[in-house]
Amino acid sequence: MTKEEIQYYYNLQSEAMIARDISKMQNGGEDPFNYQADVDKFTKKLEELERNV
């Protein structure tokens, strides 16, 4: 795995976290679009990539 791949997934994870936080602010603390699932998916992928470096 390359440094670029790790950066790519890190950026996706960051964007998903921002989307989740904005969604929660707009929806009274709820996450109706389940952005947390995206955050979890990208976090898991990052952990896999970092283990294989």
PDB file of N, CA and C in Angstrom:
ATOM      1  N   MET A   1       0.838  -1.180   0.000  1.00  0.00           N
ATOM      2  CA  MET A   1       0.000   0.000   0.000  1.00  0.00           C
ATOM      3  C   MET A   1       0.885   1.245   0.000  1.00  0.00           C
ATOM      4  N   THR A   2       0.435   2.210  -0.735  1.00  0.00           N
ATOM      5  CA  THR A   2       1.246   3.416  -0.864  1.00  0.00           C
ATOM      6  C   THR A   2       0.762   4.511   0.070  1.00  0.00           C
ATOM      7  N   LYS A   3       1.633   5.457   0.268  1.00  0.00           N
ATOM      8  CA  LYS A   3       1.293   6.614   1.091  1.00  0.00           C
ATOM      9  C   LYS A   3       0.106   7.362   0.482  1.00  0.00           C
ATOM     10  N   GLU A   4       0.029   7.394  -0.840  1.00  0.00           N
ATOM     11  CA  GLU A   4      -1.074   8.077  -1.517  1.00  0.00           C
ATOM     12  C   GLU A   4      -2.411   7.402  -1.216  1.00  0.00           C
ATOM     13  N   GLU A   5      -2.404   6.070  -1.169  1.00  0.00           N
ATOM     14  CA  GLU A   5      -3.641   5.353  -0.851  1.00  0.00           C
ATOM     15  C   GLU A   5      -4.100   5.652   0.571  1.00  0.00           C
ATOM     16  N   ILE A   6      -3.156   5.678   1.492  1.00  0.00           N
ATOM     17  CA  ILE A   6      -3.505   5.997   2.877  1.00  0.00           C
ATOM     18  C   ILE A   6      -4.067   7.411   2.950  1.00  0.00           C
ATOM     19  N   GLN A   7      -3.447   8.352   2.259  1.00  0.00           N
ATOM     20  CA  GLN A   7      -3.933   9.735   2.263  1.00  0.00           C
ATOM     21  C   GLN A   7      -5.328   9.826   1.653  1.00  0.00           C
ATOM     22  N   TYR A   8      -5.571   9.070   0.599  1.00  0.00           N
ATOM     23  CA  TYR A   8      -6.879   9.055  -0.055  1.00  0.00           C
ATOM     24  C   TYR A   8      -7.967   8.618   0.930  1.00  0.00           C
ATOM     25  N   TYR A   9      -7.737   7.518   1.623  1.00  0.00           N
ATOM     26  CA  TYR A   9      -8.742   7.033   2.566  1.00  0.00           C
ATOM     27  C   TYR A   9      -8.848   7.926   3.797  1.00  0.00           C
ATOM     28  N   TYR A  10      -7.756   8.542   4.189  1.00  0.00           N
ATOM     29  CA  TYR A  10      -7.802   9.491   5.292  1.00  0.00           C
ATOM     30  C   TYR A  10      -8.695  10.674   4.915  1.00  0.00           C
ATOM     31  N   ASN A  11      -8.564  11.157   3.680  1.00  0.00           N
ATOM     32  CA  ASN A  11      -9.405  12.264   3.211  1.00  0.00           C
ATOM     33  C   ASN A  11     -10.872  11.856   3.168  1.00  0.00           C
ATOM     34  N   LEU A  12     -11.155  10.646   2.685  1.00  0.00           N
ATOM     35  CA  LEU A  12     -12.540  10.169   2.664  1.00  0.00           C
ATOM     36  C   LEU A  12     -13.110  10.084   4.074  1.00  0.00           C
ATOM     37  N   GLN A  13     -12.303   9.576   5.001  1.00  0.00           N
ATOM     38  CA  GLN A  13     -12.744   9.465   6.387  1.00  0.00           C
ATOM     39  C   GLN A  13     -13.044  10.858   6.956  1.00  0.00           C
ATOM     40  N   SER A  14     -12.173  11.813   6.687  1.00  0.00           N
ATOM     41  CA  SER A  14     -12.362  13.176   7.184  1.00  0.00           C
ATOM     42  C   SER A  14     -13.636  13.797   6.621  1.00  0.00           C
ATOM     43  N   GLU A  15     -13.874  13.609   5.328  1.00  0.00           N
ATOM     44  CA  GLU A  15     -15.085  14.142   4.707  1.00  0.00           C
ATOM     45  C   GLU A  15     -16.334  13.501   5.296  1.00  0.00           C
ATOM     46  N   ALA A  16     -16.285  12.205   5.555  1.00  0.00           N
ATOM     47  CA  ALA A  16     -17.432  11.518   6.149  1.00  0.00           C
ATOM     48  C   ALA A  16     -17.691  12.028   7.563  1.00  0.00           C
ATOM     49  N   MET A  17     -16.638  12.310   8.315  1.00  0.00           N
ATOM     50  CA  MET A  17     -16.801  12.851   9.669  1.00  0.00           C
ATOM     51  C   MET A  17     -17.434  14.233   9.630  1.00  0.00           C
ATOM     52  N   ILE A  18     -17.008  15.055   8.690  1.00  0.00           N
ATOM     53  CA  ILE A  18     -17.583  16.394   8.548  1.00  0.00           C
ATOM     54  C   ILE A  18     -19.055  16.290   8.171  1.00  0.00           C
ATOM     55  N   ALA A  19     -19.376  15.432   7.201  1.00  0.00           N
ATOM     56  CA  ALA A  19     -20.771  15.249   6.782  1.00  0.00           C
ATOM     57  C   ALA A  19     -21.619  14.769   7.956  1.00  0.00           C
ATOM     58  N   ARG A  20     -21.089  13.822   8.735  1.00  0.00           N
ATOM     59  CA  ARG A  20     -21.810  13.303   9.901  1.00  0.00           C
ATOM     60  C   ARG A  20     -22.078  14.418  10.904  1.00  0.00           C
ATOM     61  N   ASP A  21     -21.058  15.224  11.197  1.00  0.00           N
ATOM     62  CA  ASP A  21     -21.211  16.279  12.189  1.00  0.00           C
ATOM     63  C   ASP A  21     -22.190  17.352  11.726  1.00  0.00           C
ATOM     64  N   ILE A  22     -22.133  17.725  10.454  1.00  0.00           N
ATOM     65  CA  ILE A  22     -23.078  18.713   9.917  1.00  0.00           C
ATOM     66  C   ILE A  22     -24.491  18.148   9.967  1.00  0.00           C
ATOM     67  N   SER A  23     -24.648  16.895   9.582  1.00  0.00           N
ATOM     68  CA  SER A  23     -25.961  16.251   9.610  1.00  0.00           C
ATOM     69  C   SER A  23     -26.528  16.249  11.024  1.00  0.00           C
ATOM     70  N   LYS A  24     -25.687  15.945  11.998  1.00  0.00           N
ATOM     71  CA  LYS A  24     -26.144  15.927  13.390  1.00  0.00           C
ATOM     72  C   LYS A  24     -26.564  17.321  13.844  1.00  0.00           C
ATOM     73  N   MET A  25     -25.817  18.340  13.430  1.00  0.00           N
ATOM     74  CA  MET A  25     -26.169  19.708  13.815  1.00  0.00           C
ATOM     75  C   MET A  25     -27.505  20.111  13.202  1.00  0.00           C
ATOM     76  N   GLN A  26     -27.759  19.672  11.985  1.00  0.00           N
ATOM     77  CA  GLN A  26     -28.979  20.057  11.285  1.00  0.00           C
ATOM     78  C   GLN A  26     -30.184  19.219  11.699  1.00  0.00           C
ATOM     79  N   ASN A  27     -29.939  18.086  12.338  1.00  0.00           N
ATOM     80  CA  ASN A  27     -31.028  17.166  12.654  1.00  0.00           C
ATOM     81  C   ASN A  27     -31.131  16.858  14.144  1.00  0.00           C
ATOM     82  N   GLY A  28     -30.815  17.834  14.954  1.00  0.00           N
ATOM     83  CA  GLY A  28     -30.992  17.691  16.391  1.00  0.00           C
ATOM     84  C   GLY A  28     -30.204  16.549  17.011  1.00  0.00           C
ATOM     85  N   GLY A  29     -28.995  16.330  16.545  1.00  0.00           N
ATOM     86  CA  GLY A  29     -28.151  15.296  17.125  1.00  0.00           C
ATOM     87  C   GLY A  29     -28.314  13.925  16.505  1.00  0.00           C
ATOM     88  N   GLU A  30     -29.273  13.796  15.601  1.00  0.00           N
ATOM     89  CA  GLU A  30     -29.484  12.508  14.930  1.00  0.00           C
ATOM     90  C   GLU A  30     -28.610  12.425  13.677  1.00  0.00           C
ATOM     91  N   ASP A  31     -28.415  11.215  13.199  1.00  0.00           N
ATOM     92  CA  ASP A  31     -27.621  10.966  11.989  1.00  0.00           C
ATOM     93  C   ASP A  31     -28.504  10.180  11.011  1.00  0.00           C
ATOM     94  N   PRO A  32     -29.544  10.839  10.429  1.00  0.00           N
ATOM     95  CA  PRO A  32     -30.529  10.100   9.628  1.00  0.00           C
ATOM     96  C   PRO A  32     -29.962   9.468   8.356  1.00  0.00           C
ATOM     97  N   PHE A  33     -28.847   9.984   7.863  1.00  0.00           N
ATOM     98  CA  PHE A  33     -28.268   9.430   6.636  1.00  0.00           C
ATOM     99  C   PHE A  33     -27.172   8.413   6.938  1.00  0.00           C
ATOM    100  N   ASN A  34     -26.962   8.142   8.223  1.00  0.00           N
ATOM    101  CA  ASN A  34     -26.001   7.142   8.701  1.00  0.00           C
ATOM    102  C   ASN A  34     -24.599   7.361   8.139  1.00  0.00           C
ATOM    103  N   TYR A  35     -24.130   8.598   8.247  1.00  0.00           N
ATOM    104  CA  TYR A  35     -22.752   8.890   7.846  1.00  0.00           C
ATOM    105  C   TYR A  35     -21.753   8.156   8.732  1.00  0.00           C
ATOM    106  N   GLN A  36     -22.168   7.792   9.946  1.00  0.00           N
ATOM    107  CA  GLN A  36     -21.263   7.064  10.834  1.00  0.00           C
ATOM    108  C   GLN A  36     -20.817   5.747  10.200  1.00  0.00           C
ATOM    109  N   ALA A  37     -21.686   5.129   9.421  1.00  0.00           N
ATOM    110  CA  ALA A  37     -21.313   3.881   8.741  1.00  0.00           C
ATOM    111  C   ALA A  37     -20.160   4.126   7.768  1.00  0.00           C
ATOM    112  N   ASP A  38     -20.193   5.270   7.074  1.00  0.00           N
ATOM    113  CA  ASP A  38     -19.093   5.618   6.166  1.00  0.00           C
ATOM    114  C   ASP A  38     -17.804   5.863   6.950  1.00  0.00           C
ATOM    115  N   VAL A  39     -17.928   6.581   8.069  1.00  0.00           N
ATOM    116  CA  VAL A  39     -16.753   6.836   8.905  1.00  0.00           C
ATOM    117  C   VAL A  39     -16.143   5.509   9.342  1.00  0.00           C
ATOM    118  N   ASP A  40     -16.980   4.592   9.802  1.00  0.00           N
ATOM    119  CA  ASP A  40     -16.495   3.286  10.262  1.00  0.00           C
ATOM    120  C   ASP A  40     -15.828   2.509   9.130  1.00  0.00           C
ATOM    121  N   LYS A  41     -16.442   2.562   7.946  1.00  0.00           N
ATOM    122  CA  LYS A  41     -15.896   1.835   6.792  1.00  0.00           C
ATOM    123  C   LYS A  41     -14.503   2.363   6.424  1.00  0.00           C
ATOM    124  N   PHE A  42     -14.357   3.682   6.372  1.00  0.00           N
ATOM    125  CA  PHE A  42     -13.072   4.259   5.998  1.00  0.00           C
ATOM    126  C   PHE A  42     -12.035   4.076   7.105  1.00  0.00           C
ATOM    127  N   THR A  43     -12.479   4.119   8.361  1.00  0.00           N
ATOM    128  CA  THR A  43     -11.565   3.871   9.477  1.00  0.00           C
ATOM    129  C   THR A  43     -11.027   2.451   9.411  1.00  0.00           C
ATOM    130  N   LYS A  44     -11.905   1.496   9.123  1.00  0.00           N
ATOM    131  CA  LYS A  44     -11.485   0.097   9.015  1.00  0.00           C
ATOM    132  C   LYS A  44     -10.483  -0.072   7.868  1.00  0.00           C
ATOM    133  N   LYS A  45     -10.756   0.564   6.735  1.00  0.00           N
ATOM    134  CA  LYS A  45      -9.858   0.473   5.586  1.00  0.00           C
ATOM    135  C   LYS A  45      -8.488   1.073   5.920  1.00  0.00           C
ATOM    136  N   LEU A  46      -8.482   2.202   6.617  1.00  0.00           N
ATOM    137  CA  LEU A  46      -7.220   2.819   7.015  1.00  0.00           C
ATOM    138  C   LEU A  46      -6.423   1.904   7.934  1.00  0.00           C
ATOM    139  N   GLU A  47      -7.110   1.275   8.878  1.00  0.00           N
ATOM    140  CA  GLU A  47      -6.429   0.357   9.793  1.00  0.00           C
ATOM    141  C   GLU A  47      -5.805  -0.807   9.026  1.00  0.00           C
ATOM    142  N   GLU A  48      -6.520  -1.326   8.036  1.00  0.00           N
ATOM    143  CA  GLU A  48      -5.981  -2.416   7.216  1.00  0.00           C
ATOM    144  C   GLU A  48      -4.747  -1.957   6.440  1.00  0.00           C
ATOM    145  N   LEU A  49      -4.828  -0.780   5.843  1.00  0.00           N
ATOM    146  CA  LEU A  49      -3.703  -0.267   5.064  1.00  0.00           C
ATOM    147  C   LEU A  49      -2.476  -0.043   5.942  1.00  0.00           C
ATOM    148  N   GLU A  50      -2.704   0.523   7.126  1.00  0.00           N
ATOM    149  CA  GLU A  50      -1.588   0.821   8.011  1.00  0.00           C
ATOM    150  C   GLU A  50      -0.927  -0.455   8.527  1.00  0.00           C
ATOM    151  N   ARG A  51      -1.702  -1.514   8.708  1.00  0.00           N
ATOM    152  CA  ARG A  51      -1.129  -2.794   9.146  1.00  0.00           C
ATOM    153  C   ARG A  51      -0.249  -3.395   8.056  1.00  0.00           C
ATOM    154  N   ASN A  52      -0.574  -3.124   6.808  1.00  0.00           N
ATOM    155  CA  ASN A  52       0.139  -3.723   5.683  1.00  0.00           C
ATOM    156  C   ASN A  52       1.305  -2.885   5.177  1.00  0.00           C
ATOM    157  N   VAL A  53       1.544  -1.769   5.806  1.00  0.00           N
ATOM    158  CA  VAL A  53       2.646  -0.895   5.363  1.00  0.00           C
ATOM    159  C   VAL A  53       3.966  -1.486   5.813  1.00  0.00           C
TER     160      VAL A  53
END
